[in-house]
Amino acid sequence: MGRMCYSSVPTTKLLIDGKFIESKTSEWLDIHNPATNEVVGRVPKATQEEMLAAVDSCSRAYRPWSDTSILSRQQIFLRYQQLIKDNIKELAKLITLEQGKTLADAEGR
């Protein structure tokens, strides 16, 4: 079996403590287009250190979030909803590529 070339396949960064970082892992999971089986991306298998950093970040964020008023939380989620609406075409393309859904289904139509 031939060796696959991953140089042009995009990789996903980890989001830890509000920052996107390149993983230091040597292990990656391929994301396949279900229609063609083509590798369309790669995601890192986070290292133990990266996982602990993510858990620590979540633990530190819990208290301020739990102290956030319902009204403020609602505003945050309304902004999140607007960001999804503003970017629905791009999000739908990614969902179609990674999951094989039709564009209409990915857009929620």
Protein backbone atom coordinates (compact mmCIF):
# COMPACT_ATOMS: atom_id res chain seq x y z
CA MET A 1 0.00 0.00 0.00
CA GLY A 2 1.36 3.44 -0.95
CA ARG A 3 2.34 6.07 1.56
CA MET A 4 -0.12 8.99 1.79
CA CYS A 5 1.18 12.55 1.48
CA TYR A 6 -0.32 14.88 4.09
CA SER A 7 1.56 18.08 3.25
CA SER A 8 -1.48 19.75 1.67
CA VAL A 9 -4.06 18.43 4.13
CA PRO A 10 -5.11 21.09 6.67
CA THR A 11 -4.61 20.34 10.35
CA THR A 12 -6.71 21.53 13.25
CA LYS A 13 -5.23 23.48 16.14
CA LEU A 14 -6.19 22.94 19.75
CA LEU A 15 -8.13 25.68 21.56
CA ILE A 16 -6.79 25.88 25.10
CA ASP A 17 -7.27 28.82 27.44
CA GLY A 18 -8.76 30.93 24.66
CA LYS A 19 -5.77 30.47 22.34
CA PHE A 20 -5.30 28.29 19.27
CA ILE A 21 -2.12 26.24 19.59
CA GLU A 22 -0.34 23.70 17.46
CA SER A 23 -0.34 20.34 19.18
CA LYS A 24 3.00 18.76 20.02
CA THR A 25 1.55 15.32 19.34
CA SER A 26 2.97 12.81 16.92
CA GLU A 27 -0.44 11.11 16.55
CA TRP A 28 -3.15 12.48 14.28
CA LEU A 29 -6.64 11.34 13.24
CA ASP A 30 -7.63 11.68 9.61
CA ILE A 31 -10.94 13.29 8.66
CA HIS A 32 -12.37 11.60 5.56
CA ASN A 33 -14.90 12.91 3.08
CA PRO A 34 -17.50 10.12 3.32
CA ALA A 35 -18.42 10.45 -0.37
CA THR A 36 -14.88 10.00 -1.69
CA ASN A 37 -12.91 8.68 1.31
CA GLU A 38 -10.39 11.46 0.58
CA VAL A 39 -8.52 12.76 3.63
CA VAL A 40 -9.73 16.37 3.98
CA GLY A 41 -8.16 17.24 7.31
CA ARG A 42 -6.30 15.95 10.32
CA VAL A 43 -6.97 16.49 14.02
CA PRO A 44 -4.41 15.99 16.76
CA LYS A 45 -4.60 13.35 19.45
CA ALA A 46 -3.76 15.78 22.23
CA THR A 47 -0.83 14.94 24.46
CA GLN A 48 -1.35 14.27 28.17
CA GLU A 49 0.12 17.72 28.92
CA GLU A 50 -2.29 19.38 26.46
CA MET A 51 -5.26 17.55 27.95
CA LEU A 52 -4.28 18.60 31.47
CA ALA A 53 -3.86 22.21 30.29
CA ALA A 54 -7.37 22.10 28.76
CA VAL A 55 -8.89 20.63 31.93
CA ASP A 56 -7.10 23.25 34.04
CA SER A 57 -8.40 26.03 31.77
CA CYS A 58 -11.95 24.71 32.06
CA SER A 59 -11.66 24.47 35.84
CA ARG A 60 -10.48 28.10 36.05
CA ALA A 61 -13.29 29.27 33.74
CA TYR A 62 -16.04 27.51 35.71
CA ARG A 63 -16.22 29.95 38.61
CA PRO A 64 -16.47 33.19 36.58
CA TRP A 65 -19.03 31.55 34.26
CA SER A 66 -21.13 30.31 37.18
CA ASP A 67 -21.10 33.86 38.57
CA THR A 68 -22.24 35.30 35.21
CA SER A 69 -25.84 36.49 35.22
CA ILE A 70 -28.48 34.77 33.13
CA LEU A 71 -28.94 37.98 31.11
CA SER A 72 -25.20 38.13 30.29
CA ARG A 73 -25.17 34.45 29.36
CA GLN A 74 -28.18 35.02 27.12
CA GLN A 75 -26.38 37.86 25.34
CA ILE A 76 -23.31 35.66 24.80
CA PHE A 77 -25.40 32.89 23.28
CA LEU A 78 -27.37 35.31 21.11
CA ARG A 79 -24.04 36.58 19.75
CA TYR A 80 -22.96 32.97 19.18
CA GLN A 81 -26.22 32.31 17.31
CA GLN A 82 -25.61 35.40 15.15
CA LEU A 83 -22.08 34.24 14.32
CA ILE A 84 -23.49 30.90 13.15
CA LYS A 85 -26.07 32.69 10.99
CA ASP A 86 -23.43 35.03 9.56
CA ASN A 87 -21.20 32.09 8.63
CA ILE A 88 -23.78 29.43 7.74
CA LYS A 89 -22.62 28.97 4.13
CA GLU A 90 -19.03 28.22 5.17
CA LEU A 91 -20.15 26.04 8.08
CA ALA A 92 -22.50 24.10 5.79
CA LYS A 93 -19.66 23.48 3.31
CA LEU A 94 -17.51 22.06 6.10
CA ILE A 95 -20.33 19.87 7.41
CA THR A 96 -20.97 18.57 3.88
CA LEU A 97 -17.29 17.85 3.34
CA GLU A 98 -16.76 16.12 6.68
CA GLN A 99 -20.11 14.39 7.22
CA GLY A 100 -21.57 13.90 3.76
CA LYS A 101 -24.77 15.84 4.41
CA THR A 102 -26.38 17.77 1.59
CA LEU A 103 -25.84 21.54 1.69
CA ALA A 104 -29.55 22.10 2.33
CA ASP A 105 -29.51 19.68 5.28
CA ALA A 106 -26.28 21.19 6.64
CA GLU A 107 -27.87 24.66 6.47
CA GLY A 108 -30.91 23.40 8.33
CA ARG A 109 -33.34 23.88 5.46
